[in-house]
């Protein structure tokens, strides 16, 4: 099925779920989730997979249920729907999300295990691949992308405080993200066009992560 936009009630569904995050509301309205959110997200990922999943991983829509085992907030349902193409967490990802905030896209290393952090920092520290990575991150930032991720407050162990890329070396994860507020494009073919264009801009970051960070040995 060709993607033609999210359903007209997609944003309203998540607005209402944010106000009433209960099983009763979910059961009464899960048909809206299925038709206006999940099915379009699956269609979007399926169409994008032809370009982005051939050599990068597989597409999936994240489950709508929150893991509340160790959370103070016991709300059972996520107030957004996310989809991703990736080989494994940390080694690069093409991400898309719809929520009351609108459409969000992202890519890079969203979470890194210890072995991945070691490879991430070792590559950034070297004189060939490190400057290249710095350049591609700066290019994304200049193009309007947010560069995010968990960071240390001080230098990581084993690296000098005056290293030319010390700010990048402080990262324990690093990804780029961009958000568009809710508007008519969400329900039109333009939504596909925006995600595809954004993911193309993220390709160098994701390929760097795939080639130099890779999947964690814990996932092997």
C-alpha atoms as a PDB file:
ATOM      1  CA  UNK A   1       0.000   0.000   0.000  1.00  0.00           C
ATOM      2  CA  UNK A   2       1.403   3.386  -1.031  1.00  0.00           C
ATOM      3  CA  UNK A   3       1.657   5.895   1.811  1.00  0.00           C
ATOM      4  CA  UNK A   4      -0.705   8.850   1.386  1.00  0.00           C
ATOM      5  CA  UNK A   5      -0.480  10.416   4.838  1.00  0.00           C
ATOM      6  CA  UNK A   6      -1.536   9.680   8.404  1.00  0.00           C
ATOM      7  CA  UNK A   7      -5.239   9.549   9.135  1.00  0.00           C
ATOM      8  CA  UNK A   8      -7.131  12.727   9.932  1.00  0.00           C
ATOM      9  CA  UNK A   9      -7.646  11.684  13.564  1.00  0.00           C
ATOM     10  CA  UNK A  10      -4.016  10.693  14.309  1.00  0.00           C
ATOM     11  CA  UNK A  11      -3.018  13.828  16.224  1.00  0.00           C
ATOM     12  CA  UNK A  12      -6.379  14.110  18.007  1.00  0.00           C
ATOM     13  CA  UNK A  13      -6.006  10.496  19.106  1.00  0.00           C
ATOM     14  CA  UNK A  14      -2.695  11.232  20.825  1.00  0.00           C
ATOM     15  CA  UNK A  15      -3.960  14.514  22.280  1.00  0.00           C
ATOM     16  CA  UNK A  16      -6.832  12.600  23.874  1.00  0.00           C
ATOM     17  CA  UNK A  17      -4.581   9.723  24.980  1.00  0.00           C
ATOM     18  CA  UNK A  18      -2.298  12.222  26.706  1.00  0.00           C
ATOM     19  CA  UNK A  19      -5.298  13.459  28.693  1.00  0.00           C
ATOM     20  CA  UNK A  20      -6.718   9.997  29.415  1.00  0.00           C
ATOM     21  CA  UNK A  21      -3.989   7.362  29.355  1.00  0.00           C
ATOM     22  CA  UNK A  22      -6.229   4.512  30.441  1.00  0.00           C
ATOM     23  CA  UNK A  23      -7.119   1.048  29.225  1.00  0.00           C
ATOM     24  CA  UNK A  24     -10.743   2.126  28.870  1.00  0.00           C
ATOM     25  CA  UNK A  25      -9.851   4.948  26.496  1.00  0.00           C
ATOM     26  CA  UNK A  26      -7.487   2.694  24.560  1.00  0.00           C
ATOM     27  CA  UNK A  27     -10.061  -0.047  24.097  1.00  0.00           C
ATOM     28  CA  UNK A  28     -12.697   2.455  22.957  1.00  0.00           C
ATOM     29  CA  UNK A  29     -10.356   4.114  20.457  1.00  0.00           C
ATOM     30  CA  UNK A  30      -7.834   1.506  19.370  1.00  0.00           C
ATOM     31  CA  UNK A  31      -9.508   1.328  15.955  1.00  0.00           C
ATOM     32  CA  UNK A  32      -8.350   4.931  15.398  1.00  0.00           C
ATOM     33  CA  UNK A  33      -4.804   3.925  16.334  1.00  0.00           C
ATOM     34  CA  UNK A  34      -4.967   0.951  13.975  1.00  0.00           C
ATOM     35  CA  UNK A  35      -6.390   2.857  10.999  1.00  0.00           C
ATOM     36  CA  UNK A  36      -5.013   6.389  11.333  1.00  0.00           C
ATOM     37  CA  UNK A  37      -1.633   5.733  12.982  1.00  0.00           C
ATOM     38  CA  UNK A  38      -0.273   2.193  12.774  1.00  0.00           C
ATOM     39  CA  UNK A  39      -1.359   1.264   9.240  1.00  0.00           C
ATOM     40  CA  UNK A  40      -0.017   4.515   7.714  1.00  0.00           C
ATOM     41  CA  UNK A  41       3.243   4.153   9.667  1.00  0.00           C
ATOM     42  CA  UNK A  42       3.661   0.616   8.341  1.00  0.00           C
ATOM     43  CA  UNK A  43       2.981   1.860   4.805  1.00  0.00           C
ATOM     44  CA  UNK A  44       5.478   4.709   5.216  1.00  0.00           C
ATOM     45  CA  UNK A  45       8.229   2.374   6.431  1.00  0.00           C
ATOM     46  CA  UNK A  46       7.465  -0.200   3.747  1.00  0.00           C
ATOM     47  CA  UNK A  47       7.841   2.372   0.999  1.00  0.00           C
ATOM     48  CA  UNK A  48      10.987   3.895   2.486  1.00  0.00           C
ATOM     49  CA  UNK A  49      12.530   0.456   2.949  1.00  0.00           C
ATOM     50  CA  UNK A  50      13.150   0.183  -0.795  1.00  0.00           C
ATOM     51  CA  UNK A  51      15.757   2.942  -0.454  1.00  0.00           C
ATOM     52  CA  UNK A  52      16.961   2.752   3.141  1.00  0.00           C
ATOM     53  CA  UNK A  53      16.661  -0.866   4.292  1.00  0.00           C
ATOM     54  CA  UNK A  54      18.386  -2.678   1.451  1.00  0.00           C
ATOM     55  CA  UNK A  55      21.819  -2.572   3.115  1.00  0.00           C
ATOM     56  CA  UNK A  56      21.052  -1.145   6.525  1.00  0.00           C
ATOM     57  CA  UNK A  57      18.605  -3.304   8.439  1.00  0.00           C
ATOM     58  CA  UNK A  58      14.909  -3.945   8.790  1.00  0.00           C
ATOM     59  CA  UNK A  59      11.913  -1.722   9.450  1.00  0.00           C
ATOM     60  CA  UNK A  60       9.626  -1.970  12.448  1.00  0.00           C
ATOM     61  CA  UNK A  61       6.907   0.004  14.200  1.00  0.00           C
ATOM     62  CA  UNK A  62       7.470   0.224  17.940  1.00  0.00           C
ATOM     63  CA  UNK A  63       4.880  -1.240  20.253  1.00  0.00           C
ATOM     64  CA  UNK A  64       2.334   1.230  21.666  1.00  0.00           C
ATOM     65  CA  UNK A  65       2.754  -0.077  25.219  1.00  0.00           C
ATOM     66  CA  UNK A  66       5.166   1.469  27.714  1.00  0.00           C
ATOM     67  CA  UNK A  67       7.580  -0.635  29.779  1.00  0.00           C
ATOM     68  CA  UNK A  68       6.551   0.458  33.263  1.00  0.00           C
ATOM     69  CA  UNK A  69       8.411  -2.180  35.284  1.00  0.00           C
ATOM     70  CA  UNK A  70      10.956   0.299  36.671  1.00  0.00           C
ATOM     71  CA  UNK A  71       9.192   3.585  35.879  1.00  0.00           C
ATOM     72  CA  UNK A  72       7.587   5.954  38.349  1.00  0.00           C
ATOM     73  CA  UNK A  73       5.066   6.887  35.672  1.00  0.00           C
ATOM     74  CA  UNK A  74       2.793   3.859  35.288  1.00  0.00           C
ATOM     75  CA  UNK A  75       0.837   5.211  32.307  1.00  0.00           C
ATOM     76  CA  UNK A  76       0.370   2.127  30.123  1.00  0.00           C
ATOM     77  CA  UNK A  77       0.486   3.670  26.629  1.00  0.00           C
ATOM     78  CA  UNK A  78       3.004   5.712  24.676  1.00  0.00           C
ATOM     79  CA  UNK A  79       1.727   9.101  23.523  1.00  0.00           C
ATOM     80  CA  UNK A  80       3.552   8.798  20.209  1.00  0.00           C
ATOM     81  CA  UNK A  81       4.126   6.227  17.484  1.00  0.00           C
ATOM     82  CA  UNK A  82       7.671   5.608  16.340  1.00  0.00           C
ATOM     83  CA  UNK A  83       9.126   3.606  13.489  1.00  0.00           C
ATOM     84  CA  UNK A  84      12.731   2.754  12.664  1.00  0.00           C
ATOM     85  CA  UNK A  85      15.033   1.092  10.173  1.00  0.00           C
ATOM     86  CA  UNK A  86      18.175  -0.241  11.865  1.00  0.00           C
ATOM     87  CA  UNK A  87      20.434  -3.271  12.148  1.00  0.00           C
ATOM     88  CA  UNK A  88      20.688  -2.992  15.912  1.00  0.00           C
ATOM     89  CA  UNK A  89      20.504  -0.287  18.536  1.00  0.00           C
ATOM     90  CA  UNK A  90      23.400   2.152  18.387  1.00  0.00           C
ATOM     91  CA  UNK A  91      24.831   1.293  14.993  1.00  0.00           C
ATOM     92  CA  UNK A  92      22.888   3.968  13.139  1.00  0.00           C
ATOM     93  CA  UNK A  93      19.131   4.337  12.699  1.00  0.00           C
ATOM     94  CA  UNK A  94      16.554   5.997  10.478  1.00  0.00           C
ATOM     95  CA  UNK A  95      13.795   7.072  12.872  1.00  0.00           C
ATOM     96  CA  UNK A  96      10.366   8.678  12.371  1.00  0.00           C
ATOM     97  CA  UNK A  97       7.715   9.572  14.959  1.00  0.00           C
ATOM     98  CA  UNK A  98       4.249  11.102  15.037  1.00  0.00           C
ATOM     99  CA  UNK A  99       2.880  12.681  18.223  1.00  0.00           C
ATOM    100  CA  UNK A 100       0.976  15.770  19.425  1.00  0.00           C
ATOM    101  CA  UNK A 101       4.228  17.680  18.771  1.00  0.00           C
ATOM    102  CA  UNK A 102       3.985  16.787  15.083  1.00  0.00           C
ATOM    103  CA  UNK A 103       6.418  14.812  12.932  1.00  0.00           C
ATOM    104  CA  UNK A 104       9.918  14.037  14.250  1.00  0.00           C
ATOM    105  CA  UNK A 105      12.747  12.405  12.333  1.00  0.00           C
ATOM    106  CA  UNK A 106      16.178  11.405  13.511  1.00  0.00           C
ATOM    107  CA  UNK A 107      19.246   9.302  12.957  1.00  0.00           C
ATOM    108  CA  UNK A 108      22.546   8.275  14.472  1.00  0.00           C
ATOM    109  CA  UNK A 109      23.465   6.509  17.700  1.00  0.00           C
ATOM    110  CA  UNK A 110      20.447   6.725  19.999  1.00  0.00           C
ATOM    111  CA  UNK A 111      21.886   4.366  22.623  1.00  0.00           C
ATOM    112  CA  UNK A 112      25.358   2.903  22.947  1.00  0.00           C
ATOM    113  CA  UNK A 113      26.533  -0.061  24.980  1.00  0.00           C
ATOM    114  CA  UNK A 114      30.007   0.001  26.548  1.00  0.00           C
ATOM    115  CA  UNK A 115      31.708  -1.737  23.603  1.00  0.00           C
ATOM    116  CA  UNK A 116      30.047   0.668  21.168  1.00  0.00           C
ATOM    117  CA  UNK A 117      31.105   3.720  23.190  1.00  0.00           C
ATOM    118  CA  UNK A 118      34.693   2.460  23.089  1.00  0.00           C
ATOM    119  CA  UNK A 119      34.610   2.153  19.282  1.00  0.00           C
ATOM    120  CA  UNK A 120      32.776   5.474  18.927  1.00  0.00           C
ATOM    121  CA  UNK A 121      35.421   7.357  20.903  1.00  0.00           C
ATOM    122  CA  UNK A 122      38.397   5.541  19.416  1.00  0.00           C
ATOM    123  CA  UNK A 123      37.292   6.485  15.910  1.00  0.00           C
ATOM    124  CA  UNK A 124      36.561  10.120  16.816  1.00  0.00           C
ATOM    125  CA  UNK A 125      39.978  10.398  18.455  1.00  0.00           C
ATOM    126  CA  UNK A 126      41.932   9.236  15.396  1.00  0.00           C
ATOM    127  CA  UNK A 127      43.253  11.683  12.807  1.00  0.00           C
ATOM    128  CA  UNK A 128      41.414  10.406   9.716  1.00  0.00           C
ATOM    129  CA  UNK A 129      37.890   9.396  10.604  1.00  0.00           C
ATOM    130  CA  UNK A 130      37.566  11.784  13.562  1.00  0.00           C
ATOM    131  CA  UNK A 131      37.769  15.048  11.588  1.00  0.00           C
ATOM    132  CA  UNK A 132      35.459  13.603   8.926  1.00  0.00           C
ATOM    133  CA  UNK A 133      32.872  12.839  11.588  1.00  0.00           C
ATOM    134  CA  UNK A 134      33.209  16.320  13.068  1.00  0.00           C
ATOM    135  CA  UNK A 135      32.621  17.827   9.637  1.00  0.00           C
ATOM    136  CA  UNK A 136      29.463  15.828   8.955  1.00  0.00           C
ATOM    137  CA  UNK A 137      28.046  16.676  12.407  1.00  0.00           C
ATOM    138  CA  UNK A 138      28.762  20.368  11.851  1.00  0.00           C
ATOM    139  CA  UNK A 139      27.138  20.205   8.414  1.00  0.00           C
ATOM    140  CA  UNK A 140      23.958  18.755   9.909  1.00  0.00           C
ATOM    141  CA  UNK A 141      23.932  21.417  12.619  1.00  0.00           C
ATOM    142  CA  UNK A 142      24.300  24.193  10.030  1.00  0.00           C
ATOM    143  CA  UNK A 143      21.410  22.670   8.078  1.00  0.00           C
ATOM    144  CA  UNK A 144      19.076  23.048  11.045  1.00  0.00           C
ATOM    145  CA  UNK A 145      19.399  19.667  12.731  1.00  0.00           C
ATOM    146  CA  UNK A 146      19.575  19.378  16.522  1.00  0.00           C
ATOM    147  CA  UNK A 147      22.610  17.383  17.653  1.00  0.00           C
ATOM    148  CA  UNK A 148      21.569  15.549  20.786  1.00  0.00           C
ATOM    149  CA  UNK A 149      22.628  12.693  23.022  1.00  0.00           C
ATOM    150  CA  UNK A 150      23.805  11.858  26.523  1.00  0.00           C
ATOM    151  CA  UNK A 151      27.103  13.549  27.413  1.00  0.00           C
ATOM    152  CA  UNK A 152      29.643  13.447  30.203  1.00  0.00           C
ATOM    153  CA  UNK A 153      30.206  16.670  32.132  1.00  0.00           C
ATOM    154  CA  UNK A 154      33.957  16.111  32.110  1.00  0.00           C
ATOM    155  CA  UNK A 155      36.417  14.419  29.758  1.00  0.00           C
ATOM    156  CA  UNK A 156      36.153  10.654  29.357  1.00  0.00           C
ATOM    157  CA  UNK A 157      38.809   8.518  31.001  1.00  0.00           C
ATOM    158  CA  UNK A 158      41.876   8.047  28.823  1.00  0.00           C
ATOM    159  CA  UNK A 159      41.488  11.208  26.744  1.00  0.00           C
ATOM    160  CA  UNK A 160      43.182  14.570  27.163  1.00  0.00           C
ATOM    161  CA  UNK A 161      41.057  17.578  28.087  1.00  0.00           C
ATOM    162  CA  UNK A 162      42.680  19.558  25.251  1.00  0.00           C
ATOM    163  CA  UNK A 163      41.862  16.995  22.539  1.00  0.00           C
ATOM    164  CA  UNK A 164      40.582  18.936  19.479  1.00  0.00           C
ATOM    165  CA  UNK A 165      37.352  16.897  19.474  1.00  0.00           C
ATOM    166  CA  UNK A 166      36.870  16.618  23.225  1.00  0.00           C
ATOM    167  CA  UNK A 167      33.258  17.839  23.055  1.00  0.00           C
ATOM    168  CA  UNK A 168      32.370  14.978  20.713  1.00  0.00           C
ATOM    169  CA  UNK A 169      34.336  12.536  22.841  1.00  0.00           C
ATOM    170  CA  UNK A 170      32.167  13.424  25.846  1.00  0.00           C
ATOM    171  CA  UNK A 171      29.141  11.910  24.112  1.00  0.00           C
ATOM    172  CA  UNK A 172      27.768   8.583  25.341  1.00  0.00           C
ATOM    173  CA  UNK A 173      25.256   8.727  22.503  1.00  0.00           C
ATOM    174  CA  UNK A 174      24.868  11.097  19.577  1.00  0.00           C
ATOM    175  CA  UNK A 175      22.027  11.607  17.151  1.00  0.00           C
ATOM    176  CA  UNK A 176      20.477  14.288  14.969  1.00  0.00           C
ATOM    177  CA  UNK A 177      16.782  15.198  15.116  1.00  0.00           C
ATOM    178  CA  UNK A 178      14.313  17.546  13.447  1.00  0.00           C
ATOM    179  CA  UNK A 179      10.632  18.245  14.188  1.00  0.00           C
ATOM    180  CA  UNK A 180       7.794  19.763  12.191  1.00  0.00           C
ATOM    181  CA  UNK A 181       4.721  21.003  14.060  1.00  0.00           C
ATOM    182  CA  UNK A 182       1.326  19.463  13.185  1.00  0.00           C
ATOM    183  CA  UNK A 183      -0.056  20.728   9.881  1.00  0.00           C
ATOM    184  CA  UNK A 184      -1.973  19.471   6.855  1.00  0.00           C
ATOM    185  CA  UNK A 185       1.155  17.879   5.337  1.00  0.00           C
ATOM    186  CA  UNK A 186       0.908  15.069   7.912  1.00  0.00           C
ATOM    187  CA  UNK A 187      -2.183  13.788   6.132  1.00  0.00           C
ATOM    188  CA  UNK A 188      -0.784  14.143   2.639  1.00  0.00           C
ATOM    189  CA  UNK A 189       1.869  12.635   0.394  1.00  0.00           C
ATOM    190  CA  UNK A 190       4.167  15.511   1.387  1.00  0.00           C
ATOM    191  CA  UNK A 191       4.798  13.730   4.686  1.00  0.00           C
ATOM    192  CA  UNK A 192       6.584  10.936   2.796  1.00  0.00           C
ATOM    193  CA  UNK A 193       8.597  13.481   0.822  1.00  0.00           C
ATOM    194  CA  UNK A 194       9.790  15.245   3.984  1.00  0.00           C
ATOM    195  CA  UNK A 195      10.837  12.037   5.721  1.00  0.00           C
ATOM    196  CA  UNK A 196      12.675  10.748   2.654  1.00  0.00           C
ATOM    197  CA  UNK A 197      14.540  14.045   2.177  1.00  0.00           C
ATOM    198  CA  UNK A 198      15.478  14.156   5.872  1.00  0.00           C
ATOM    199  CA  UNK A 199      16.692  10.565   5.888  1.00  0.00           C
ATOM    200  CA  UNK A 200      18.823  11.240   2.828  1.00  0.00           C
ATOM    201  CA  UNK A 201      20.507  14.055   4.767  1.00  0.00           C
ATOM    202  CA  UNK A 202      21.122  11.617   7.628  1.00  0.00           C
ATOM    203  CA  UNK A 203      22.663   8.927   5.451  1.00  0.00           C
ATOM    204  CA  UNK A 204      26.329   9.981   6.041  1.00  0.00           C
ATOM    205  CA  UNK A 205      25.805   9.981   9.828  1.00  0.00           C
ATOM    206  CA  UNK A 206      24.144   6.583   9.788  1.00  0.00           C
ATOM    207  CA  UNK A 207      26.727   5.054   7.467  1.00  0.00           C
ATOM    208  CA  UNK A 208      29.498   6.363   9.730  1.00  0.00           C
ATOM    209  CA  UNK A 209      27.769   4.766  12.724  1.00  0.00           C
ATOM    210  CA  UNK A 210      27.309   1.496  10.858  1.00  0.00           C
ATOM    211  CA  UNK A 211      30.912   1.353   9.677  1.00  0.00           C
ATOM    212  CA  UNK A 212      32.698   2.568  12.823  1.00  0.00           C
ATOM    213  CA  UNK A 213      30.391   1.721  15.754  1.00  0.00           C
ATOM    214  CA  UNK A 214      28.301  -1.216  14.583  1.00  0.00           C
ATOM    215  CA  UNK A 215      26.032  -3.457  16.582  1.00  0.00           C
ATOM    216  CA  UNK A 216      26.950  -4.238  20.176  1.00  0.00           C
ATOM    217  CA  UNK A 217      28.548  -7.598  20.954  1.00  0.00           C
ATOM    218  CA  UNK A 218      25.757  -7.922  23.508  1.00  0.00           C
ATOM    219  CA  UNK A 219      23.337  -8.161  20.575  1.00  0.00           C
ATOM    220  CA  UNK A 220      25.362 -10.761  18.708  1.00  0.00           C
END
